[in-house]
Amino acid sequence: MKIMDEKEFADRCQLALARIENAIEHAADEGADVDFEMQSGILEIECADGSKIVVSPHMIAKELWVAARSGGFHFRHDDQLGWVDTRTGDTLDQRLVEILKQQGQIQLNLA
């Protein structure tokens, strides 16, 4: 596996976060009760019950981290699969769809 430099990591994180942000915005437009804010490269998603999900880059580890009610998850980029959970092998998209469905009853489409 090729080691990413900081610029490549930052670019990949920015693309992933923009994709997630667009999907959440679309879900909200479709009636989902969800709010979100991107600040300093960190995406904070607030569900109807006030609970939060945070997606943030971790430059030193070169990982995207997700903090949710169900736990903390770390994702590393794989050229074939995209962002992959370091423990389970699930993709970031799979995990976020599951988390948002469980935590906020939000149907997210990241396809």
PDB file of N, CA and C in Angstrom:
ATOM      1  N   MET A   1       0.839  -1.178   0.000  1.00  0.00           N
ATOM      2  CA  MET A   1       0.000   0.000   0.000  1.00  0.00           C
ATOM      3  C   MET A   1       0.885   1.242   0.000  1.00  0.00           C
ATOM      4  N   LYS A   2       0.563   2.166  -0.886  1.00  0.00           N
ATOM      5  CA  LYS A   2       1.319   3.397  -1.019  1.00  0.00           C
ATOM      6  C   LYS A   2       1.013   4.338   0.153  1.00  0.00           C
ATOM      7  N   ILE A   3       2.049   4.993   0.660  1.00  0.00           N
ATOM      8  CA  ILE A   3       1.877   5.960   1.751  1.00  0.00           C
ATOM      9  C   ILE A   3       1.461   7.306   1.154  1.00  0.00           C
ATOM     10  N   MET A   4       0.383   7.878   1.683  1.00  0.00           N
ATOM     11  CA  MET A   4      -0.099   9.180   1.209  1.00  0.00           C
ATOM     12  C   MET A   4       0.702  10.300   1.859  1.00  0.00           C
ATOM     13  N   ASP A   5       0.979  11.339   1.081  1.00  0.00           N
ATOM     14  CA  ASP A   5       1.565  12.527   1.700  1.00  0.00           C
ATOM     15  C   ASP A   5       0.417  13.370   2.272  1.00  0.00           C
ATOM     16  N   GLU A   6       0.760  14.438   2.985  1.00  0.00           N
ATOM     17  CA  GLU A   6      -0.260  15.237   3.679  1.00  0.00           C
ATOM     18  C   GLU A   6      -1.255  15.877   2.719  1.00  0.00           C
ATOM     19  N   LYS A   7      -0.772  16.362   1.580  1.00  0.00           N
ATOM     20  CA  LYS A   7      -1.668  17.009   0.617  1.00  0.00           C
ATOM     21  C   LYS A   7      -2.654  16.001   0.039  1.00  0.00           C
ATOM     22  N   GLU A   8      -2.180  14.833  -0.342  1.00  0.00           N
ATOM     23  CA  GLU A   8      -3.069  13.816  -0.891  1.00  0.00           C
ATOM     24  C   GLU A   8      -4.106  13.396   0.155  1.00  0.00           C
ATOM     25  N   PHE A   9      -3.653  13.220   1.402  1.00  0.00           N
ATOM     26  CA  PHE A   9      -4.570  12.859   2.482  1.00  0.00           C
ATOM     27  C   PHE A   9      -5.640  13.942   2.655  1.00  0.00           C
ATOM     28  N   ALA A  10      -5.205  15.195   2.717  1.00  0.00           N
ATOM     29  CA  ALA A  10      -6.142  16.311   2.893  1.00  0.00           C
ATOM     30  C   ALA A  10      -7.138  16.380   1.734  1.00  0.00           C
ATOM     31  N   ASP A  11      -6.661  16.178   0.510  1.00  0.00           N
ATOM     32  CA  ASP A  11      -7.538  16.200  -0.665  1.00  0.00           C
ATOM     33  C   ASP A  11      -8.570  15.080  -0.602  1.00  0.00           C
ATOM     34  N   ARG A  12      -8.128  13.876  -0.245  1.00  0.00           N
ATOM     35  CA  ARG A  12      -9.045  12.734  -0.161  1.00  0.00           C
ATOM     36  C   ARG A  12     -10.083  12.948   0.941  1.00  0.00           C
ATOM     37  N   CYS A  13      -9.648  13.498   2.075  1.00  0.00           N
ATOM     38  CA  CYS A  13     -10.584  13.794   3.174  1.00  0.00           C
ATOM     39  C   CYS A  13     -11.610  14.830   2.735  1.00  0.00           C
ATOM     40  N   GLN A  14     -11.158  15.865   2.062  1.00  0.00           N
ATOM     41  CA  GLN A  14     -12.050  16.928   1.621  1.00  0.00           C
ATOM     42  C   GLN A  14     -13.112  16.374   0.656  1.00  0.00           C
ATOM     43  N   LEU A  15     -12.692  15.513  -0.259  1.00  0.00           N
ATOM     44  CA  LEU A  15     -13.645  14.891  -1.190  1.00  0.00           C
ATOM     45  C   LEU A  15     -14.670  14.031  -0.445  1.00  0.00           C
ATOM     46  N   ALA A  16     -14.190  13.214   0.492  1.00  0.00           N
ATOM     47  CA  ALA A  16     -15.086  12.338   1.260  1.00  0.00           C
ATOM     48  C   ALA A  16     -16.075  13.160   2.077  1.00  0.00           C
ATOM     49  N   LEU A  17     -15.593  14.181   2.754  1.00  0.00           N
ATOM     50  CA  LEU A  17     -16.468  15.003   3.592  1.00  0.00           C
ATOM     51  C   LEU A  17     -17.489  15.758   2.746  1.00  0.00           C
ATOM     52  N   ALA A  18     -17.090  16.241   1.581  1.00  0.00           N
ATOM     53  CA  ALA A  18     -18.011  16.948   0.691  1.00  0.00           C
ATOM     54  C   ALA A  18     -19.108  15.994   0.202  1.00  0.00           C
ATOM     55  N   ARG A  19     -18.735  14.751  -0.116  1.00  0.00           N
ATOM     56  CA  ARG A  19     -19.712  13.752  -0.551  1.00  0.00           C
ATOM     57  C   ARG A  19     -20.740  13.461   0.546  1.00  0.00           C
ATOM     58  N   ILE A  20     -20.224  13.313   1.781  1.00  0.00           N
ATOM     59  CA  ILE A  20     -21.105  13.035   2.923  1.00  0.00           C
ATOM     60  C   ILE A  20     -22.028  14.232   3.170  1.00  0.00           C
ATOM     61  N   GLU A  21     -21.448  15.413   3.136  1.00  0.00           N
ATOM     62  CA  GLU A  21     -22.213  16.640   3.357  1.00  0.00           C
ATOM     63  C   GLU A  21     -23.335  16.767   2.313  1.00  0.00           C
ATOM     64  N   ASN A  22     -23.021  16.500   1.055  1.00  0.00           N
ATOM     65  CA  ASN A  22     -24.031  16.575  -0.007  1.00  0.00           C
ATOM     66  C   ASN A  22     -25.145  15.557   0.209  1.00  0.00           C
ATOM     67  N   ALA A  23     -24.782  14.342   0.633  1.00  0.00           N
ATOM     68  CA  ALA A  23     -25.782  13.298   0.887  1.00  0.00           C
ATOM     69  C   ALA A  23     -26.687  13.683   2.053  1.00  0.00           C
ATOM     70  N   ILE A  24     -26.126  14.283   3.093  1.00  0.00           N
ATOM     71  CA  ILE A  24     -26.924  14.709   4.246  1.00  0.00           C
ATOM     72  C   ILE A  24     -27.840  15.865   3.852  1.00  0.00           C
ATOM     73  N   GLU A  25     -27.320  16.781   3.057  1.00  0.00           N
ATOM     74  CA  GLU A  25     -28.131  17.906   2.583  1.00  0.00           C
ATOM     75  C   GLU A  25     -29.313  17.383   1.747  1.00  0.00           C
ATOM     76  N   HIS A  26     -29.057  16.395   0.912  1.00  0.00           N
ATOM     77  CA  HIS A  26     -30.122  15.789   0.101  1.00  0.00           C
ATOM     78  C   HIS A  26     -31.159  15.113   1.010  1.00  0.00           C
ATOM     79  N   ALA A  27     -30.695  14.384   2.029  1.00  0.00           N
ATOM     80  CA  ALA A  27     -31.614  13.731   2.970  1.00  0.00           C
ATOM     81  C   ALA A  27     -32.478  14.776   3.683  1.00  0.00           C
ATOM     82  N   ALA A  28     -31.867  15.892   4.067  1.00  0.00           N
ATOM     83  CA  ALA A  28     -32.616  16.968   4.729  1.00  0.00           C
ATOM     84  C   ALA A  28     -33.646  17.567   3.770  1.00  0.00           C
ATOM     85  N   ASP A  29     -33.256  17.746   2.513  1.00  0.00           N
ATOM     86  CA  ASP A  29     -34.185  18.271   1.503  1.00  0.00           C
ATOM     87  C   ASP A  29     -35.365  17.320   1.296  1.00  0.00           C
ATOM     88  N   GLU A  30     -35.123  16.021   1.513  1.00  0.00           N
ATOM     89  CA  GLU A  30     -36.169  15.012   1.351  1.00  0.00           C
ATOM     90  C   GLU A  30     -37.011  14.839   2.624  1.00  0.00           C
ATOM     91  N   GLY A  31     -36.725  15.642   3.656  1.00  0.00           N
ATOM     92  CA  GLY A  31     -37.547  15.615   4.857  1.00  0.00           C
ATOM     93  C   GLY A  31     -36.911  15.038   6.107  1.00  0.00           C
ATOM     94  N   ALA A  32     -35.658  14.560   6.009  1.00  0.00           N
ATOM     95  CA  ALA A  32     -34.990  14.021   7.205  1.00  0.00           C
ATOM     96  C   ALA A  32     -34.748  15.146   8.201  1.00  0.00           C
ATOM     97  N   ASP A  33     -34.957  14.854   9.472  1.00  0.00           N
ATOM     98  CA  ASP A  33     -34.731  15.832  10.536  1.00  0.00           C
ATOM     99  C   ASP A  33     -33.275  15.731  10.977  1.00  0.00           C
ATOM    100  N   VAL A  34     -32.411  16.433  10.262  1.00  0.00           N
ATOM    101  CA  VAL A  34     -30.976  16.373  10.508  1.00  0.00           C
ATOM    102  C   VAL A  34     -30.376  17.740  10.214  1.00  0.00           C
ATOM    103  N   ASP A  35     -29.363  18.080  10.973  1.00  0.00           N
ATOM    104  CA  ASP A  35     -28.649  19.332  10.757  1.00  0.00           C
ATOM    105  C   ASP A  35     -27.166  18.992  10.697  1.00  0.00           C
ATOM    106  N   PHE A  36     -26.394  19.821  10.040  1.00  0.00           N
ATOM    107  CA  PHE A  36     -24.969  19.546   9.955  1.00  0.00           C
ATOM    108  C   PHE A  36     -24.196  20.849   9.826  1.00  0.00           C
ATOM    109  N   GLU A  37     -22.931  20.776  10.206  1.00  0.00           N
ATOM    110  CA  GLU A  37     -22.056  21.938  10.104  1.00  0.00           C
ATOM    111  C   GLU A  37     -20.650  21.444   9.802  1.00  0.00           C
ATOM    112  N   MET A  38     -20.018  22.095   8.834  1.00  0.00           N
ATOM    113  CA  MET A  38     -18.611  21.811   8.517  1.00  0.00           C
ATOM    114  C   MET A  38     -17.810  22.978   9.061  1.00  0.00           C
ATOM    115  N   GLN A  39     -16.869  22.659   9.951  1.00  0.00           N
ATOM    116  CA  GLN A  39     -16.063  23.717  10.546  1.00  0.00           C
ATOM    117  C   GLN A  39     -14.637  23.221  10.717  1.00  0.00           C
ATOM    118  N   SER A  40     -13.698  23.941  10.158  1.00  0.00           N
ATOM    119  CA  SER A  40     -12.269  23.597  10.241  1.00  0.00           C
ATOM    120  C   SER A  40     -12.002  22.166   9.777  1.00  0.00           C
ATOM    121  N   GLY A  41     -12.699  21.740   8.725  1.00  0.00           N
ATOM    122  CA  GLY A  41     -12.472  20.406   8.172  1.00  0.00           C
ATOM    123  C   GLY A  41     -13.112  19.271   8.944  1.00  0.00           C
ATOM    124  N   ILE A  42     -13.964  19.603   9.919  1.00  0.00           N
ATOM    125  CA  ILE A  42     -14.653  18.592  10.727  1.00  0.00           C
ATOM    126  C   ILE A  42     -16.145  18.706  10.451  1.00  0.00           C
ATOM    127  N   LEU A  43     -16.773  17.573  10.136  1.00  0.00           N
ATOM    128  CA  LEU A  43     -18.201  17.550   9.859  1.00  0.00           C
ATOM    129  C   LEU A  43     -18.938  17.067  11.102  1.00  0.00           C
ATOM    130  N   GLU A  44     -19.845  17.908  11.592  1.00  0.00           N
ATOM    131  CA  GLU A  44     -20.653  17.560  12.760  1.00  0.00           C
ATOM    132  C   GLU A  44     -22.101  17.426  12.298  1.00  0.00           C
ATOM    133  N   ILE A  45     -22.676  16.260  12.546  1.00  0.00           N
ATOM    134  CA  ILE A  45     -24.043  15.957  12.139  1.00  0.00           C
ATOM    135  C   ILE A  45     -24.893  15.853  13.404  1.00  0.00           C
ATOM    136  N   GLU A  46     -25.994  16.596  13.434  1.00  0.00           N
ATOM    137  CA  GLU A  46     -26.874  16.549  14.602  1.00  0.00           C
ATOM    138  C   GLU A  46     -28.204  15.923  14.212  1.00  0.00           C
ATOM    139  N   CYS A  47     -28.572  14.882  14.948  1.00  0.00           N
ATOM    140  CA  CYS A  47     -29.830  14.170  14.712  1.00  0.00           C
ATOM    141  C   CYS A  47     -30.963  14.868  15.449  1.00  0.00           C
ATOM    142  N   ALA A  48     -32.179  14.480  15.137  1.00  0.00           N
ATOM    143  CA  ALA A  48     -33.378  15.106  15.718  1.00  0.00           C
ATOM    144  C   ALA A  48     -33.380  15.059  17.242  1.00  0.00           C
ATOM    145  N   ASP A  49     -32.816  13.995  17.832  1.00  0.00           N
ATOM    146  CA  ASP A  49     -32.817  13.864  19.295  1.00  0.00           C
ATOM    147  C   ASP A  49     -31.680  14.637  19.964  1.00  0.00           C
ATOM    148  N   GLY A  50     -30.901  15.378  19.163  1.00  0.00           N
ATOM    149  CA  GLY A  50     -29.799  16.168  19.710  1.00  0.00           C
ATOM    150  C   GLY A  50     -28.473  15.434  19.751  1.00  0.00           C
ATOM    151  N   SER A  51     -28.496  14.137  19.471  1.00  0.00           N
ATOM    152  CA  SER A  51     -27.234  13.386  19.463  1.00  0.00           C
ATOM    153  C   SER A  51     -26.413  13.770  18.235  1.00  0.00           C
ATOM    154  N   LYS A  52     -25.112  13.585  18.343  1.00  0.00           N
ATOM    155  CA  LYS A  52     -24.221  14.028  17.277  1.00  0.00           C
ATOM    156  C   LYS A  52     -23.349  12.896  16.753  1.00  0.00           C
ATOM    157  N   ILE A  53     -22.973  13.060  15.506  1.00  0.00           N
ATOM    158  CA  ILE A  53     -22.004  12.193  14.836  1.00  0.00           C
ATOM    159  C   ILE A  53     -20.951  13.135  14.273  1.00  0.00           C
ATOM    160  N   VAL A  54     -19.694  12.839  14.545  1.00  0.00           N
ATOM    161  CA  VAL A  54     -18.606  13.710  14.095  1.00  0.00           C
ATOM    162  C   VAL A  54     -17.686  12.908  13.180  1.00  0.00           C
ATOM    163  N   VAL A  55     -17.385  13.495  12.016  1.00  0.00           N
ATOM    164  CA  VAL A  55     -16.456  12.893  11.066  1.00  0.00           C
ATOM    165  C   VAL A  55     -15.279  13.855  10.935  1.00  0.00           C
ATOM    166  N   SER A  56     -14.089  13.369  11.318  1.00  0.00           N
ATOM    167  CA  SER A  56     -12.940  14.266  11.326  1.00  0.00           C
ATOM    168  C   SER A  56     -11.670  13.573  10.828  1.00  0.00           C
ATOM    169  N   PRO A  57     -10.885  14.301  10.064  1.00  0.00           N
ATOM    170  CA  PRO A  57      -9.593  13.767   9.620  1.00  0.00           C
ATOM    171  C   PRO A  57      -8.605  13.756  10.780  1.00  0.00           C
ATOM    172  N   HIS A  58      -7.752  12.752  10.816  1.00  0.00           N
ATOM    173  CA  HIS A  58      -6.660  12.701  11.780  1.00  0.00           C
ATOM    174  C   HIS A  58      -5.369  12.619  10.969  1.00  0.00           C
ATOM    175  N   MET A  59      -4.717  13.778  10.834  1.00  0.00           N
ATOM    176  CA  MET A  59      -3.566  13.917   9.934  1.00  0.00           C
ATOM    177  C   MET A  59      -2.417  12.980  10.306  1.00  0.00           C
ATOM    178  N   ILE A  60      -2.092  12.864  11.576  1.00  0.00           N
ATOM    179  CA  ILE A  60      -0.942  12.060  11.994  1.00  0.00           C
ATOM    180  C   ILE A  60      -1.156  10.589  11.642  1.00  0.00           C
ATOM    181  N   ALA A  61      -2.348  10.065  11.936  1.00  0.00           N
ATOM    182  CA  ALA A  61      -2.643   8.654  11.644  1.00  0.00           C
ATOM    183  C   ALA A  61      -3.033   8.449  10.178  1.00  0.00           C
ATOM    184  N   LYS A  62      -3.304   9.555   9.454  1.00  0.00           N
ATOM    185  CA  LYS A  62      -3.797   9.499   8.065  1.00  0.00           C
ATOM    186  C   LYS A  62      -5.075   8.661   7.996  1.00  0.00           C
ATOM    187  N   GLU A  63      -5.990   8.982   8.922  1.00  0.00           N
ATOM    188  CA  GLU A  63      -7.271   8.280   9.004  1.00  0.00           C
ATOM    189  C   GLU A  63      -8.412   9.282   9.103  1.00  0.00           C
ATOM    190  N   LEU A  64      -9.585   8.851   8.694  1.00  0.00           N
ATOM    191  CA  LEU A  64     -10.814   9.585   8.977  1.00  0.00           C
ATOM    192  C   LEU A  64     -11.432   8.917  10.195  1.00  0.00           C
ATOM    193  N   TRP A  65     -11.784   9.709  11.190  1.00  0.00           N
ATOM    194  CA  TRP A  65     -12.367   9.173  12.409  1.00  0.00           C
ATOM    195  C   TRP A  65     -13.839   9.551  12.473  1.00  0.00           C
ATOM    196  N   VAL A  66     -14.655   8.616  12.928  1.00  0.00           N
ATOM    197  CA  VAL A  66     -16.087   8.851  13.120  1.00  0.00           C
ATOM    198  C   VAL A  66     -16.414   8.562  14.575  1.00  0.00           C
ATOM    199  N   ALA A  67     -17.024   9.552  15.223  1.00  0.00           N
ATOM    200  CA  ALA A  67     -17.485   9.383  16.604  1.00  0.00           C
ATOM    201  C   ALA A  67     -19.007   9.409  16.577  1.00  0.00           C
ATOM    202  N   ALA A  68     -19.622   8.373  17.153  1.00  0.00           N
ATOM    203  CA  ALA A  68     -21.078   8.257  17.176  1.00  0.00           C
ATOM    204  C   ALA A  68     -21.497   7.629  18.496  1.00  0.00           C
ATOM    205  N   ARG A  69     -22.781   7.604  18.730  1.00  0.00           N
ATOM    206  CA  ARG A  69     -23.299   6.987  19.956  1.00  0.00           C
ATOM    207  C   ARG A  69     -22.838   5.525  20.053  1.00  0.00           C
ATOM    208  N   SER A  70     -22.745   4.850  18.906  1.00  0.00           N
ATOM    209  CA  SER A  70     -22.377   3.428  18.891  1.00  0.00           C
ATOM    210  C   SER A  70     -20.876   3.181  19.024  1.00  0.00           C
ATOM    211  N   GLY A  71     -20.068   4.241  19.031  1.00  0.00           N
ATOM    212  CA  GLY A  71     -18.631   4.058  19.232  1.00  0.00           C
ATOM    213  C   GLY A  71     -17.786   4.954  18.347  1.00  0.00           C
ATOM    214  N   GLY A  72     -16.494   4.686  18.392  1.00  0.00           N
ATOM    215  CA  GLY A  72     -15.543   5.416  17.571  1.00  0.00           C
ATOM    216  C   GLY A  72     -14.990   4.486  16.495  1.00  0.00           C
ATOM    217  N   PHE A  73     -14.857   5.004  15.289  1.00  0.00           N
ATOM    218  CA  PHE A  73     -14.414   4.202  14.158  1.00  0.00           C
ATOM    219  C   PHE A  73     -13.300   4.918  13.422  1.00  0.00           C
ATOM    220  N   HIS A  74     -12.311   4.150  12.982  1.00  0.00           N
ATOM    221  CA  HIS A  74     -11.163   4.704  12.265  1.00  0.00           C
ATOM    222  C   HIS A  74     -11.132   4.107  10.871  1.00  0.00           C
ATOM    223  N   PHE A  75     -10.943   4.970   9.864  1.00  0.00           N
ATOM    224  CA  PHE A  75     -10.934   4.531   8.473  1.00  0.00           C
ATOM    225  C   PHE A  75      -9.636   4.956   7.802  1.00  0.00           C
ATOM    226  N   ARG A  76      -9.013   4.008   7.097  1.00  0.00           N
ATOM    227  CA  ARG A  76      -7.819   4.287   6.297  1.00  0.00           C
ATOM    228  C   ARG A  76      -8.189   4.166   4.834  1.00  0.00           C
ATOM    229  N   HIS A  77      -7.513   4.952   4.012  1.00  0.00           N
ATOM    230  CA  HIS A  77      -7.841   4.927   2.585  1.00  0.00           C
ATOM    231  C   HIS A  77      -7.166   3.752   1.889  1.00  0.00           C
ATOM    232  N   ASP A  78      -7.958   3.063   1.078  1.00  0.00           N
ATOM    233  CA  ASP A  78      -7.485   1.970   0.244  1.00  0.00           C
ATOM    234  C   ASP A  78      -7.797   2.368  -1.202  1.00  0.00           C
ATOM    235  N   ASP A  79      -6.815   2.244  -2.096  1.00  0.00           N
ATOM    236  CA  ASP A  79      -7.011   2.681  -3.478  1.00  0.00           C
ATOM    237  C   ASP A  79      -8.146   1.937  -4.180  1.00  0.00           C
ATOM    238  N   GLN A  80      -8.428   0.716  -3.784  1.00  0.00           N
ATOM    239  CA  GLN A  80      -9.480  -0.074  -4.422  1.00  0.00           C
ATOM    240  C   GLN A  80     -10.854   0.163  -3.792  1.00  0.00           C
ATOM    241  N   LEU A  81     -10.896   0.249  -2.465  1.00  0.00           N
ATOM    242  CA  LEU A  81     -12.170   0.267  -1.741  1.00  0.00           C
ATOM    243  C   LEU A  81     -12.584   1.621  -1.190  1.00  0.00           C
ATOM    244  N   GLY A  82     -11.684   2.574  -1.193  1.00  0.00           N
ATOM    245  CA  GLY A  82     -11.969   3.863  -0.560  1.00  0.00           C
ATOM    246  C   GLY A  82     -11.596   3.815   0.917  1.00  0.00           C
ATOM    247  N   TRP A  83     -12.356   4.496   1.751  1.00  0.00           N
ATOM    248  CA  TRP A  83     -12.083   4.541   3.188  1.00  0.00           C
ATOM    249  C   TRP A  83     -12.621   3.273   3.846  1.00  0.00           C
ATOM    250  N   VAL A  84     -11.741   2.542   4.550  1.00  0.00           N
ATOM    251  CA  VAL A  84     -12.074   1.229   5.104  1.00  0.00           C
ATOM    252  C   VAL A  84     -11.826   1.223   6.616  1.00  0.00           C
ATOM    253  N   ASP A  85     -12.799   0.680   7.369  1.00  0.00           N
ATOM    254  CA  ASP A  85     -12.692   0.562   8.821  1.00  0.00           C
ATOM    255  C   ASP A  85     -11.486  -0.320   9.157  1.00  0.00           C
ATOM    256  N   THR A  86     -10.618   0.167  10.030  1.00  0.00           N
ATOM    257  CA  THR A  86      -9.388  -0.553  10.362  1.00  0.00           C
ATOM    258  C   THR A  86      -9.654  -1.825  11.161  1.00  0.00           C
ATOM    259  N   ARG A  87     -10.841  -1.959  11.757  1.00  0.00           N
ATOM    260  CA  ARG A  87     -11.148  -3.162  12.537  1.00  0.00           C
ATOM    261  C   ARG A  87     -12.034  -4.150  11.790  1.00  0.00           C
ATOM    262  N   THR A  88     -13.056  -3.643  11.085  1.00  0.00           N
ATOM    263  CA  THR A  88     -14.047  -4.555  10.501  1.00  0.00           C
ATOM    264  C   THR A  88     -13.902  -4.741   8.999  1.00  0.00           C
ATOM    265  N   GLY A  89     -13.252  -3.798   8.327  1.00  0.00           N
ATOM    266  CA  GLY A  89     -13.160  -3.867   6.874  1.00  0.00           C
ATOM    267  C   GLY A  89     -14.357  -3.246   6.169  1.00  0.00           C
ATOM    268  N   ASP A  90     -15.357  -2.766   6.938  1.00  0.00           N
ATOM    269  CA  ASP A  90     -16.495  -2.070   6.331  1.00  0.00           C
ATOM    270  C   ASP A  90     -16.011  -0.763   5.721  1.00  0.00           C
ATOM    271  N   THR A  91     -16.706  -0.314   4.690  1.00  0.00           N
ATOM    272  CA  THR A  91     -16.344   0.977   4.113  1.00  0.00           C
ATOM    273  C   THR A  91     -16.978   2.099   4.940  1.00  0.00           C
ATOM    274  N   LEU A  92     -16.435   3.280   4.783  1.00  0.00           N
ATOM    275  CA  LEU A  92     -16.978   4.463   5.454  1.00  0.00           C
ATOM    276  C   LEU A  92     -18.447   4.654   5.067  1.00  0.00           C
ATOM    277  N   ASP A  93     -18.752   4.485   3.788  1.00  0.00           N
ATOM    278  CA  ASP A  93     -20.137   4.645   3.336  1.00  0.00           C
ATOM    279  C   ASP A  93     -21.063   3.665   4.046  1.00  0.00           C
ATOM    280  N   GLN A  94     -20.668   2.391   4.088  1.00  0.00           N
ATOM    281  CA  GLN A  94     -21.494   1.373   4.755  1.00  0.00           C
ATOM    282  C   GLN A  94     -21.728   1.744   6.214  1.00  0.00           C
ATOM    283  N   ARG A  95     -20.667   2.092   6.901  1.00  0.00           N
ATOM    284  CA  ARG A  95     -20.751   2.379   8.334  1.00  0.00           C
ATOM    285  C   ARG A  95     -21.605   3.621   8.597  1.00  0.00           C
ATOM    286  N   LEU A  96     -21.425   4.691   7.812  1.00  0.00           N
ATOM    287  CA  LEU A  96     -22.195   5.912   8.039  1.00  0.00           C
ATOM    288  C   LEU A  96     -23.682   5.708   7.765  1.00  0.00           C
ATOM    289  N   VAL A  97     -24.004   4.968   6.706  1.00  0.00           N
ATOM    290  CA  VAL A  97     -25.412   4.673   6.419  1.00  0.00           C
ATOM    291  C   VAL A  97     -26.035   3.952   7.613  1.00  0.00           C
ATOM    292  N   GLU A  98     -25.305   2.975   8.157  1.00  0.00           N
ATOM    293  CA  GLU A  98     -25.794   2.211   9.307  1.00  0.00           C
ATOM    294  C   GLU A  98     -25.935   3.100  10.551  1.00  0.00           C
ATOM    295  N   ILE A  99     -24.929   3.903  10.838  1.00  0.00           N
ATOM    296  CA  ILE A  99     -24.945   4.770  12.019  1.00  0.00           C
ATOM    297  C   ILE A  99     -26.104   5.765  11.947  1.00  0.00           C
ATOM    298  N   LEU A 100     -26.261   6.417  10.799  1.00  0.00           N
ATOM    299  CA  LEU A 100     -27.321   7.420  10.678  1.00  0.00           C
ATOM    300  C   LEU A 100     -28.710   6.795  10.732  1.00  0.00           C
ATOM    301  N   LYS A 101     -28.837   5.591  10.223  1.00  0.00           N
ATOM    302  CA  LYS A 101     -30.125   4.893  10.294  1.00  0.00           C
ATOM    303  C   LYS A 101     -30.457   4.548  11.744  1.00  0.00           C
ATOM    304  N   GLN A 102     -29.471   4.022  12.485  1.00  0.00           N
ATOM    305  CA  GLN A 102     -29.694   3.632  13.882  1.00  0.00           C
ATOM    306  C   GLN A 102     -29.849   4.842  14.797  1.00  0.00           C
ATOM    307  N   GLN A 103     -28.952   5.791  14.668  1.00  0.00           N
ATOM    308  CA  GLN A 103     -28.900   6.898  15.613  1.00  0.00           C
ATOM    309  C   GLN A 103     -29.932   7.992  15.308  1.00  0.00           C
ATOM    310  N   GLY A 104     -30.194   8.241  14.020  1.00  0.00           N
ATOM    311  CA  GLY A 104     -31.075   9.353  13.691  1.00  0.00           C
ATOM    312  C   GLY A 104     -32.261   9.004  12.831  1.00  0.00           C
ATOM    313  N   GLN A 105     -32.470   7.702  12.559  1.00  0.00           N
ATOM    314  CA  GLN A 105     -33.552   7.282  11.675  1.00  0.00           C
ATOM    315  C   GLN A 105     -33.485   8.047  10.345  1.00  0.00           C
ATOM    316  N   ILE A 106     -32.269   8.228   9.860  1.00  0.00           N
ATOM    317  CA  ILE A 106     -32.026   8.961   8.622  1.00  0.00           C
ATOM    318  C   ILE A 106     -31.585   7.980   7.545  1.00  0.00           C
ATOM    319  N   GLN A 107     -32.269   8.023   6.406  1.00  0.00           N
ATOM    320  CA  GLN A 107     -31.901   7.188   5.270  1.00  0.00           C
ATOM    321  C   GLN A 107     -30.917   7.978   4.415  1.00  0.00           C
ATOM    322  N   LEU A 108     -29.658   7.586   4.461  1.00  0.00           N
ATOM    323  CA  LEU A 108     -28.616   8.303   3.732  1.00  0.00           C
ATOM    324  C   LEU A 108     -28.236   7.512   2.488  1.00  0.00           C
ATOM    325  N   ASN A 109     -28.121   8.214   1.372  1.00  0.00           N
ATOM    326  CA  ASN A 109     -27.731   7.569   0.115  1.00  0.00           C
ATOM    327  C   ASN A 109     -26.341   8.065  -0.275  1.00  0.00           C
ATOM    328  N   LEU A 110     -25.348   7.204  -0.084  1.00  0.00           N
ATOM    329  CA  LEU A 110     -23.969   7.555  -0.446  1.00  0.00           C
ATOM    330  C   LEU A 110     -23.508   6.818  -1.710  1.00  0.00           C
ATOM    331  N   ALA A 111     -24.447   6.252  -2.446  1.00  0.00           N
ATOM    332  CA  ALA A 111     -24.100   5.503  -3.664  1.00  0.00           C
ATOM    333  C   ALA A 111     -23.651   6.435  -4.775  1.00  0.00           C
TER     334      ALA A 111
END
